[in-house]
Amino acid sequence: MRDVAVVGVNMIKFGRYPEKDVVELASEASIAALKDAGCSIKDIELVASGNLYQSNAMIGQRVMKEIGATGIPVINVANACATGSTAFREAYYSVASGAYDTAMAVGSEQMGKMGLLGAGGGGDRAYSTEGIMGTGLMPGVFGQAGVEHMRKYGTTQEQIAKIAVKNHEHGVLNPHAQYRKETPLEDVLNARVIAWPNTLYMCCPTGDGAAAAILMSAEKAKKYTTKPVWVAASILTSDPYQERNPTMFDINTVTRNAAKQAYETAGIGPEDLDMVELHDCFATAELLHYENLFLCGEGEAGKLIDDKETYNGGKIPVNVSGGLLSKGHPLGATGVANITEIVWHLREEAGDRQVKGAKTGLAHVIGLGSACTINVLKR
């Protein structure tokens, strides 16, 4: 396996673009990433395009027709919320294997106000049965997982709500975030219940977005950048075999297995990370992943947020982009956007939200079904 560098990245501001289609969004991000890398589409030898809801529409090929078809291989990827990060992994392995010297990963999605795989609840929104009972697919899964952590370790709803406070505070500084508004703790706790303990402000918004990354072999990268960001590990896992699986998705194990592989492959431990962009589709998810990524010990996630250790400036900054709770979660775009955020910090190009001295970052995404990607990046 060859060393692979991320040479260019970019993303559009996540939000809602009813006047554009998903190909336009993906094309815009791709052109911006190519410009950032200082190359053109003619230099790209393979494209991996991640998209979920429009996955049968050959988005990758349509993007190439938009920005300049060159006859190269185009791979279309769909892997739930891990779609974009799986596309990145395909691009990475195409270069690491020696088959190609350059590749582009693009993630895109156009969801508008579409619910997140059953998010929200039905009937009268002022009185949601799903919210009271804690069901409704994704909200229910992560609500119940949070309740189990509360039962086992005494974690409180207030501690979980503090994660939403943190991420919305971080998001104010991110010009690419869908929502840039602080949400005080009282507002978070008093908001409408979606699936207890998660209230509205503890759930990610859906919308439209796109992000892209340009990857090159070490030799090729020398011609384009003096600030390469190296891919130290690119891991993809799914649920292990179990004789009895009481839930449809083992949120914890799939991430823990990926984390172990990522740390071993990268030759580091969690203590070596300077920042993490993780999959906070719900505030309970971020809390669980503090422990799943071994950022703290079992049952210590509540204390980690109480002590503000995951704030920018803390021991291990998490989701300084604002995370999905603030930045938004257009499914196919999320994985590449998380990587883009890490790259900007490692290149010291993150502006007011810059993590000082960041040299190593971890980008994490999980997808219902199941899938988990972890990409470790180093400067």
Protein backbone atom coordinates (compact mmCIF):
# COMPACT_ATOMS: atom_id res chain seq x y z
CA MET A 1 0.00 0.00 0.00
CA ARG A 2 1.31 3.42 -0.98
CA ASP A 3 1.13 6.61 1.04
CA VAL A 4 -1.82 8.75 -0.03
CA ALA A 5 -2.26 12.48 0.47
CA VAL A 6 -5.38 14.61 0.47
CA VAL A 7 -4.34 17.52 -1.72
CA GLY A 8 -7.59 19.43 -2.15
CA VAL A 9 -10.95 19.67 -0.36
CA ASN A 10 -14.01 21.86 -0.37
CA MET A 11 -17.72 21.87 0.41
CA ILE A 12 -20.72 24.05 -0.16
CA LYS A 13 -22.62 25.58 2.74
CA PHE A 14 -25.15 23.02 3.90
CA GLY A 15 -28.73 24.22 3.70
CA ARG A 16 -31.66 24.03 1.33
CA TYR A 17 -31.33 24.73 -2.39
CA PRO A 18 -34.72 24.22 -4.04
CA GLU A 19 -33.54 26.15 -7.11
CA LYS A 20 -30.71 23.66 -7.80
CA ASP A 21 -30.50 19.92 -8.36
CA VAL A 22 -28.11 17.53 -6.67
CA VAL A 23 -25.80 17.35 -9.71
CA GLU A 24 -25.29 21.10 -9.54
CA LEU A 25 -24.46 20.87 -5.85
CA ALA A 26 -21.97 18.04 -6.37
CA SER A 27 -20.41 19.75 -9.36
CA GLU A 28 -19.93 22.98 -7.42
CA ALA A 29 -18.12 21.17 -4.61
CA SER A 30 -16.01 19.14 -7.07
CA ILE A 31 -14.85 22.20 -9.00
CA ALA A 32 -13.97 23.95 -5.74
CA ALA A 33 -11.93 20.95 -4.53
CA LEU A 34 -10.11 20.73 -7.86
CA LYS A 35 -9.27 24.41 -7.61
CA ASP A 36 -8.05 23.92 -4.05
CA ALA A 37 -5.76 21.12 -5.26
CA GLY A 38 -4.50 23.22 -8.16
CA CYS A 39 -5.46 20.64 -10.76
CA SER A 40 -8.22 20.06 -13.31
CA ILE A 41 -10.66 17.25 -13.99
CA LYS A 42 -8.26 16.08 -16.71
CA ASP A 43 -5.78 15.14 -13.96
CA ILE A 44 -8.27 12.87 -12.16
CA GLU A 45 -8.06 9.16 -12.98
CA LEU A 46 -11.02 7.83 -10.95
CA VAL A 47 -14.12 9.31 -9.35
CA ALA A 48 -16.04 7.82 -6.42
CA SER A 49 -19.41 9.51 -5.95
CA GLY A 50 -21.44 9.02 -2.78
CA ASN A 51 -25.18 9.66 -2.83
CA LEU A 52 -28.05 7.89 -1.10
CA TYR A 53 -31.51 9.16 -2.00
CA GLN A 54 -30.69 9.72 -5.69
CA SER A 55 -28.33 6.74 -5.92
CA ASN A 56 -30.14 5.21 -8.91
CA ALA A 57 -29.58 8.38 -10.95
CA MET A 58 -25.87 7.82 -11.77
CA ILE A 59 -24.87 11.02 -10.00
CA GLY A 60 -21.14 10.45 -10.54
CA GLN A 61 -21.44 10.21 -14.31
CA ARG A 62 -23.78 13.21 -14.42
CA VAL A 63 -21.29 15.27 -12.44
CA MET A 64 -18.57 14.33 -14.92
CA LYS A 65 -20.78 15.42 -17.81
CA GLU A 66 -21.33 18.71 -15.99
CA ILE A 67 -17.68 19.49 -15.26
CA GLY A 68 -15.98 17.58 -18.09
CA ALA A 69 -16.37 13.90 -18.99
CA THR A 70 -12.99 12.25 -19.58
CA GLY A 71 -13.86 8.55 -19.90
CA ILE A 72 -12.41 7.55 -16.53
CA PRO A 73 -13.92 4.97 -14.14
CA VAL A 74 -16.78 6.35 -12.04
CA ILE A 75 -18.04 4.47 -8.97
CA ASN A 76 -21.41 5.32 -7.44
CA VAL A 77 -21.62 4.49 -3.72
CA ALA A 78 -24.60 4.17 -1.37
CA ASN A 79 -23.95 3.14 2.23
CA ALA A 80 -26.52 4.89 4.44
CA CYS A 81 -25.06 7.82 6.41
CA ALA A 82 -21.56 6.45 5.72
CA THR A 83 -22.08 6.94 1.96
CA GLY A 84 -19.70 9.87 1.47
CA SER A 85 -16.97 8.47 3.70
CA THR A 86 -17.24 5.12 1.91
CA ALA A 87 -16.75 6.94 -1.41
CA PHE A 88 -13.66 8.55 0.12
CA ARG A 89 -12.40 5.11 1.11
CA GLU A 90 -12.90 3.81 -2.44
CA ALA A 91 -10.90 6.74 -3.79
CA TYR A 92 -8.22 6.18 -1.16
CA TYR A 93 -7.77 2.50 -1.95
CA SER A 94 -7.68 3.15 -5.68
CA VAL A 95 -4.58 5.28 -5.12
CA ALA A 96 -3.05 3.33 -2.22
CA SER A 97 -3.20 0.14 -4.27
CA GLY A 98 -1.13 1.67 -7.05
CA ALA A 99 -3.89 1.36 -9.63
CA TYR A 100 -4.21 5.14 -9.97
CA ASP A 101 -2.19 8.20 -8.99
CA THR A 102 -5.12 10.59 -8.54
CA ALA A 103 -8.75 10.17 -7.51
CA MET A 104 -11.65 12.34 -6.47
CA ALA A 105 -14.28 11.54 -3.86
CA VAL A 106 -17.50 13.54 -3.92
CA GLY A 107 -20.45 13.21 -1.56
CA SER A 108 -23.80 14.83 -2.26
CA GLU A 109 -27.42 14.78 -1.17
CA GLN A 110 -30.58 16.77 -1.72
CA MET A 111 -33.08 16.12 1.05
CA GLY A 112 -34.81 19.46 1.60
CA LYS A 113 -37.09 19.04 4.60
CA MET A 114 -37.31 15.28 4.16
CA GLY A 115 -37.38 13.38 7.45
CA LEU A 116 -34.27 11.47 8.48
CA LEU A 117 -35.35 7.86 7.87
CA GLY A 118 -38.46 8.22 9.96
CA ALA A 119 -37.44 11.25 12.03
CA GLY A 120 -40.00 13.61 13.39
CA GLY A 121 -43.16 11.74 14.23
CA GLY A 122 -46.65 11.67 12.79
CA GLY A 123 -50.00 13.26 13.46
CA ASP A 124 -50.21 16.40 15.51
CA ARG A 125 -46.63 17.69 15.88
CA ALA A 126 -47.56 19.32 19.18
CA TYR A 127 -48.29 15.89 20.57
CA SER A 128 -46.03 13.26 19.05
CA THR A 129 -46.70 9.69 20.18
CA GLU A 130 -43.28 8.81 18.81
CA GLY A 131 -41.75 11.52 20.98
CA ILE A 132 -43.49 10.33 24.13
CA MET A 133 -42.69 6.66 23.54
CA GLY A 134 -39.20 7.16 22.13
CA THR A 135 -39.81 5.35 18.87
CA GLY A 136 -39.68 6.30 15.19
CA LEU A 137 -36.71 4.55 13.58
CA MET A 138 -33.53 6.64 13.87
CA PRO A 139 -34.75 8.96 16.65
CA GLY A 140 -36.01 5.93 18.54
CA VAL A 141 -32.82 3.93 18.08
CA PHE A 142 -30.63 6.72 19.41
CA GLY A 143 -33.12 7.74 22.07
CA GLN A 144 -33.22 4.22 23.46
CA ALA A 145 -29.43 3.94 23.30
CA GLY A 146 -29.18 7.12 25.35
CA VAL A 147 -31.68 5.82 27.90
CA GLU A 148 -29.64 2.66 28.30
CA HIS A 149 -26.51 4.73 29.03
CA MET A 150 -28.51 6.71 31.58
CA ARG A 151 -29.73 3.51 33.22
CA LYS A 152 -26.30 1.95 33.33
CA TYR A 153 -24.15 4.92 34.36
CA GLY A 154 -26.50 7.52 35.81
CA THR A 155 -26.01 9.89 32.91
CA THR A 156 -28.52 12.74 32.94
CA GLN A 157 -30.55 14.39 30.21
CA GLU A 158 -28.85 17.66 31.11
CA GLN A 159 -25.43 16.18 30.35
CA ILE A 160 -26.66 14.99 26.96
CA ALA A 161 -28.23 18.38 26.27
CA LYS A 162 -24.87 20.06 26.95
CA ILE A 163 -23.57 18.38 23.79
CA ALA A 164 -26.17 20.24 21.74
CA VAL A 165 -25.21 23.48 23.50
CA LYS A 166 -21.55 22.90 22.62
CA ASN A 167 -22.12 22.01 18.99
CA HIS A 168 -24.42 24.92 18.30
CA GLU A 169 -21.88 27.22 19.95
CA HIS A 170 -19.16 25.79 17.69
CA GLY A 171 -21.40 26.10 14.63
CA VAL A 172 -21.68 29.87 15.03
CA LEU A 173 -18.07 30.11 13.80
CA ASN A 174 -18.55 27.83 10.78
CA PRO A 175 -19.64 29.64 7.60
CA HIS A 176 -20.53 26.26 6.04
CA ALA A 177 -23.00 25.30 8.78
CA GLN A 178 -26.71 25.17 8.07
CA TYR A 179 -27.60 26.72 11.43
CA ARG A 180 -25.34 29.28 13.12
CA LYS A 181 -27.24 30.02 16.30
CA GLU A 182 -26.43 29.29 19.91
CA THR A 183 -28.97 27.26 21.87
CA PRO A 184 -28.75 27.81 25.65
CA LEU A 185 -29.17 24.77 27.87
CA GLU A 186 -32.63 25.85 29.03
CA ASP A 187 -33.84 26.15 25.43
CA VAL A 188 -32.48 22.71 24.56
CA LEU A 189 -34.15 21.03 27.53
CA ASN A 190 -37.47 22.80 27.01
CA ALA A 191 -37.72 22.13 23.28
CA ARG A 192 -40.26 19.66 21.88
CA VAL A 193 -39.40 16.02 22.59
CA ILE A 194 -38.56 13.98 19.48
CA ALA A 195 -37.51 10.70 21.13
CA TRP A 196 -36.64 11.07 24.79
CA PRO A 197 -34.10 12.11 25.98
CA ASN A 198 -33.48 13.90 22.66
CA THR A 199 -35.41 17.12 22.15
CA LEU A 200 -35.62 19.03 18.87
CA TYR A 201 -32.30 20.88 19.33
CA MET A 202 -30.59 17.58 20.13
CA CYS A 203 -31.43 16.24 16.65
CA CYS A 204 -29.63 17.06 13.41
CA PRO A 205 -31.45 18.96 10.66
CA THR A 206 -31.74 17.54 7.16
CA GLY A 207 -31.06 19.52 4.02
CA ASP A 208 -28.91 19.71 0.90
CA GLY A 209 -25.14 19.66 0.57
CA ALA A 210 -22.02 18.43 -1.18
CA ALA A 211 -18.32 18.06 -0.44
CA ALA A 212 -15.34 16.76 -2.40
CA ALA A 213 -11.74 15.67 -1.83
CA ILE A 214 -8.81 15.13 -4.20
CA LEU A 215 -6.39 12.31 -3.30
CA MET A 216 -2.96 11.68 -4.79
CA SER A 217 -0.01 9.35 -4.39
CA ALA A 218 2.92 10.77 -2.45
CA GLU A 219 4.97 11.25 -5.61
CA LYS A 220 2.14 12.99 -7.44
CA ALA A 221 1.25 15.16 -4.45
CA LYS A 222 4.72 16.73 -4.45
CA LYS A 223 3.83 18.50 -7.70
CA TYR A 224 0.72 20.11 -6.28
CA THR A 225 1.17 20.95 -2.62
CA THR A 226 3.66 21.74 0.10
CA LYS A 227 1.03 20.99 2.76
CA PRO A 228 -0.15 17.43 2.15
CA VAL A 229 -2.51 15.80 4.62
CA TRP A 230 -1.83 12.08 4.84
CA VAL A 231 -4.42 9.34 5.19
CA ALA A 232 -3.10 7.28 8.10
CA ALA A 233 -6.07 4.88 8.16
CA SER A 234 -9.31 4.38 6.27
CA ILE A 235 -11.51 1.76 7.94
CA LEU A 236 -14.95 0.36 7.15
CA THR A 237 -16.79 -2.10 9.40
CA SER A 238 -20.23 -3.65 9.78
CA ASP A 239 -21.93 -5.45 12.65
CA PRO A 240 -20.24 -8.68 13.79
CA TYR A 241 -22.14 -11.95 14.01
CA GLN A 242 -24.34 -12.43 17.05
CA GLU A 243 -26.70 -15.31 17.81
CA ARG A 244 -29.19 -12.87 19.24
CA ASN A 245 -29.35 -9.20 18.28
CA PRO A 246 -32.13 -7.42 20.20
CA THR A 247 -31.73 -4.19 18.22
CA MET A 248 -31.62 -3.65 14.49
CA PHE A 249 -28.32 -1.79 14.76
CA ASP A 250 -25.49 -2.24 17.26
CA ILE A 251 -24.49 1.42 17.54
CA ASN A 252 -21.60 0.79 19.91
CA THR A 253 -19.82 -2.33 18.68
CA VAL A 254 -19.60 -1.31 15.03
CA THR A 255 -17.75 1.89 16.03
CA ARG A 256 -15.53 0.26 18.64
CA ASN A 257 -14.34 -2.34 16.15
CA ALA A 258 -13.61 0.35 13.57
CA ALA A 259 -11.79 2.48 16.14
CA LYS A 260 -9.54 -0.38 17.21
CA GLN A 261 -8.61 -1.10 13.60
CA ALA A 262 -8.05 2.59 12.85
CA TYR A 263 -5.74 3.16 15.80
CA GLU A 264 -3.76 0.02 15.01
CA THR A 265 -3.44 0.89 11.32
CA ALA A 266 -2.46 4.50 12.01
CA GLY A 267 -0.04 3.48 14.76
CA ILE A 268 -1.59 5.85 17.29
CA GLY A 269 -3.94 5.81 20.25
CA PRO A 270 -6.90 8.05 21.10
CA GLU A 271 -4.58 10.10 23.30
CA ASP A 272 -2.70 11.16 20.15
CA LEU A 273 -5.71 12.79 18.51
CA ASP A 274 -5.93 16.58 18.37
CA MET A 275 -9.52 16.70 17.14
CA VAL A 276 -12.48 14.51 16.20
CA GLU A 277 -15.39 15.04 13.83
CA LEU A 278 -17.88 12.33 14.78
CA HIS A 279 -21.40 11.34 13.78
CA ASP A 280 -23.65 13.32 16.12
CA CYS A 281 -26.94 12.71 14.32
CA PHE A 282 -28.42 13.02 17.82
CA ALA A 283 -26.86 14.36 21.01
CA THR A 284 -27.08 10.89 22.54
CA ALA A 285 -24.96 9.57 19.65
CA GLU A 286 -22.08 11.92 20.42
CA LEU A 287 -22.18 10.97 24.08
CA LEU A 288 -22.01 7.26 23.22
CA HIS A 289 -19.20 7.77 20.73
CA TYR A 290 -16.96 9.46 23.31
CA GLU A 291 -16.66 6.00 24.82
CA ASN A 292 -16.90 4.05 21.55
CA LEU A 293 -13.88 5.96 20.19
CA PHE A 294 -12.11 5.47 23.54
CA LEU A 295 -11.85 9.20 24.19
CA CYS A 296 -12.73 8.38 27.79
CA GLY A 297 -13.43 5.34 29.95
CA GLU A 298 -16.70 3.44 30.31
CA GLY A 299 -19.39 5.59 31.88
CA GLU A 300 -17.21 8.73 31.82
CA ALA A 301 -18.82 10.47 28.83
CA GLY A 302 -21.07 12.62 31.00
CA LYS A 303 -18.12 13.92 32.97
CA LEU A 304 -16.22 14.64 29.74
CA ILE A 305 -18.91 17.08 28.59
CA ASP A 306 -19.45 18.47 32.10
CA ASP A 307 -15.76 19.40 32.21
CA LYS A 308 -15.96 20.91 28.70
CA GLU A 309 -13.09 18.68 27.57
CA THR A 310 -14.70 18.27 24.12
CA TYR A 311 -15.01 22.00 23.51
CA ASN A 312 -12.52 23.72 21.21
CA GLY A 313 -9.64 24.41 23.57
CA GLY A 314 -10.40 21.35 25.68
CA LYS A 315 -8.46 18.12 26.00
CA ILE A 316 -9.99 16.58 22.85
CA PRO A 317 -12.09 18.97 20.74
CA VAL A 318 -15.07 17.20 19.17
CA ASN A 319 -17.17 18.60 16.32
CA VAL A 320 -15.67 22.07 16.22
CA SER A 321 -17.48 22.39 12.88
CA GLY A 322 -20.72 22.41 14.84
CA GLY A 323 -21.23 18.75 14.05
CA LEU A 324 -24.34 17.44 12.36
CA LEU A 325 -26.47 19.15 15.01
CA SER A 326 -25.46 22.57 13.67
CA LYS A 327 -23.80 21.93 10.31
CA GLY A 328 -26.63 19.73 9.04
CA HIS A 329 -26.78 16.18 7.73
CA PRO A 330 -27.36 15.76 3.97
CA LEU A 331 -26.57 12.06 4.17
CA GLY A 332 -24.29 11.42 1.20
CA ALA A 333 -22.29 14.61 1.79
CA THR A 334 -21.60 14.21 5.51
CA GLY A 335 -18.63 11.82 5.36
CA VAL A 336 -16.60 13.91 2.91
CA ALA A 337 -17.56 17.09 4.77
CA ASN A 338 -16.19 15.68 8.03
CA ILE A 339 -12.91 14.89 6.27
CA THR A 340 -12.85 18.35 4.71
CA GLU A 341 -13.16 19.92 8.16
CA ILE A 342 -10.24 17.87 9.50
CA VAL A 343 -8.06 18.79 6.49
CA TRP A 344 -8.75 22.50 6.95
CA HIS A 345 -7.60 22.32 10.56
CA LEU A 346 -4.48 20.28 9.79
CA ARG A 347 -3.57 22.88 7.16
CA GLU A 348 -4.37 25.67 9.65
CA GLU A 349 -7.04 27.07 7.36
CA ALA A 350 -10.07 26.84 9.65
CA GLY A 351 -10.25 30.52 10.58
CA ASP A 352 -11.89 31.50 13.86
CA ARG A 353 -12.66 27.89 14.80
CA GLN A 354 -9.09 26.65 14.26
CA VAL A 355 -7.91 23.94 16.66
CA LYS A 356 -4.50 25.22 17.68
CA GLY A 357 -1.58 22.99 16.74
CA ALA A 358 -3.77 20.27 15.21
CA LYS A 359 -1.63 17.56 13.64
CA THR A 360 -3.85 14.46 13.80
CA GLY A 361 -7.60 14.20 13.36
CA LEU A 362 -10.23 11.47 13.20
CA ALA A 363 -13.39 11.57 11.07
CA HIS A 364 -16.15 9.11 12.00
CA VAL A 365 -19.51 8.24 10.44
CA ILE A 366 -21.98 5.43 11.08
CA GLY A 367 -24.84 4.32 8.86
CA LEU A 368 -27.98 2.39 9.72
CA GLY A 369 -27.80 -1.06 8.31
CA SER A 370 -24.93 -1.17 9.42
CA ALA A 371 -21.71 0.56 8.42
CA CYS A 372 -19.02 2.53 10.19
CA THR A 373 -16.16 4.44 8.62
CA ILE A 374 -13.20 5.96 10.41
CA ASN A 375 -10.57 7.98 8.61
CA VAL A 376 -7.46 9.12 10.47
CA LEU A 377 -5.62 12.05 8.92
CA LYS A 378 -2.17 13.45 9.74
CA ARG A 379 -0.16 16.40 8.59
